[in-house]
Amino acid sequence: MENNKALINVITNLQIEEKSNTKQFEALVAFIDDLIRNDFNRLLSILYRVDISEQKLKIKLAENKETAVRSAEIIAQLLLDREEEKIKSRAKYKQD
């Protein structure tokens, strides 16, 4: 449970601009990489909770299959992109 809070904290506090906060981004990538190897069901649960489209994930992984980009980096970027979408959506519908 504590790791979930840490993950959410890292995601929401990262600068969205293209991995600008490299140290935190790499920490997120390392965390996701660990989940891929050791607790894949938990990773799937997190992706579901954050509302990452399974179809979008499959497409991104397939697009980068031939490159050196790690799956954990792709997933981390998808998490950041989704968080950015949420921020924009909240701002759009925010009532002052």
Protein backbone atom coordinates (compact mmCIF):
# COMPACT_ATOMS: atom_id res chain seq x y z
CA MET A 1 0.00 0.00 0.00
CA GLU A 2 2.84 2.38 0.86
CA ASN A 3 4.50 1.72 -2.51
CA ASN A 4 1.24 2.61 -4.28
CA LYS A 5 1.18 5.97 -2.51
CA ALA A 6 4.82 6.50 -3.43
CA LEU A 7 4.08 5.68 -7.07
CA ILE A 8 1.17 8.09 -7.21
CA ASN A 9 3.28 10.77 -5.52
CA VAL A 10 6.09 10.30 -8.03
CA ILE A 11 3.70 10.43 -10.98
CA THR A 12 1.85 13.52 -9.83
CA ASN A 13 4.99 15.42 -8.84
CA LEU A 14 6.98 14.76 -11.99
CA GLN A 15 7.31 17.52 -14.50
CA ILE A 16 5.29 16.45 -17.51
CA GLU A 17 7.61 18.03 -20.06
CA GLU A 18 9.39 15.11 -21.73
CA LYS A 19 11.12 13.43 -18.82
CA SER A 20 12.52 16.74 -17.57
CA ASN A 21 13.01 15.38 -14.09
CA THR A 22 15.29 12.50 -15.01
CA LYS A 23 16.04 11.25 -11.50
CA GLN A 24 12.37 10.83 -10.58
CA PHE A 25 11.53 9.44 -14.01
CA GLU A 26 14.28 6.84 -13.66
CA ALA A 27 12.98 5.95 -10.19
CA LEU A 28 9.54 5.40 -11.71
CA VAL A 29 11.05 3.30 -14.52
CA ALA A 30 12.98 1.21 -11.99
CA PHE A 31 9.83 0.68 -9.93
CA ILE A 32 7.86 -0.40 -13.00
CA ASP A 33 10.71 -2.63 -14.17
CA ASP A 34 10.68 -4.34 -10.78
CA LEU A 35 6.92 -4.87 -11.05
CA ILE A 36 7.30 -6.35 -14.53
CA ARG A 37 9.77 -8.91 -13.19
CA ASN A 38 8.35 -9.62 -9.75
CA ASP A 39 4.68 -8.62 -9.47
CA PHE A 40 3.09 -8.31 -12.89
CA ASN A 41 -0.45 -8.60 -11.51
CA ARG A 42 0.17 -5.57 -9.31
CA LEU A 43 1.42 -3.62 -12.33
CA LEU A 44 -1.74 -4.52 -14.22
CA SER A 45 -3.79 -3.40 -11.24
CA ILE A 46 -2.00 -0.04 -11.15
CA LEU A 47 -2.44 0.47 -14.89
CA TYR A 48 -6.15 -0.32 -14.53
CA ARG A 49 -6.53 2.06 -11.60
CA VAL A 50 -4.72 4.89 -13.40
CA ASP A 51 -6.87 4.13 -16.46
CA ILE A 52 -4.19 3.23 -18.98
CA SER A 53 -5.86 1.75 -22.04
CA GLU A 54 -4.78 -1.82 -22.67
CA GLN A 55 -5.04 -1.18 -26.40
CA LYS A 56 -2.85 1.93 -26.19
CA LEU A 57 -0.27 -0.01 -24.16
CA LYS A 58 -0.18 -2.83 -26.70
CA ILE A 59 0.24 -0.37 -29.57
CA LYS A 60 3.07 1.52 -27.85
CA LEU A 61 4.90 -1.67 -26.95
CA ALA A 62 4.52 -2.98 -30.51
CA GLU A 63 5.75 0.31 -31.99
CA ASN A 64 8.90 0.15 -29.90
CA LYS A 65 9.52 -3.58 -30.24
CA GLU A 66 12.52 -3.08 -32.51
CA THR A 67 14.06 -0.22 -30.51
CA ALA A 68 16.19 -0.12 -27.40
CA VAL A 69 13.43 1.56 -25.38
CA ARG A 70 12.59 -0.57 -22.37
CA SER A 71 9.01 -1.59 -21.70
CA ALA A 72 9.23 0.06 -18.28
CA GLU A 73 10.09 3.40 -19.91
CA ILE A 74 7.13 3.11 -22.27
CA ILE A 75 4.79 2.33 -19.39
CA ALA A 76 6.22 5.17 -17.29
CA GLN A 77 5.67 7.62 -20.14
CA LEU A 78 2.10 6.36 -20.59
CA LEU A 79 1.48 6.94 -16.88
CA LEU A 80 2.80 10.49 -17.20
CA ASP A 81 0.77 11.13 -20.34
CA ARG A 82 -2.39 9.89 -18.62
CA GLU A 83 -1.70 12.09 -15.61
CA GLU A 84 -1.26 15.07 -17.94
CA GLU A 85 -4.62 14.26 -19.56
CA LYS A 86 -6.26 14.19 -16.13
CA ILE A 87 -4.73 17.55 -15.18
CA LYS A 88 -5.96 19.15 -18.40
CA SER A 89 -9.41 17.63 -18.00
CA ARG A 90 -9.72 18.86 -14.41
CA ALA A 91 -8.63 22.34 -15.44
CA LYS A 92 -11.12 22.38 -18.28
CA TYR A 93 -14.04 21.43 -16.09
CA LYS A 94 -12.94 23.21 -12.94
CA GLN A 95 -15.59 25.54 -11.67
CA ASP A 96 -14.39 28.71 -10.02
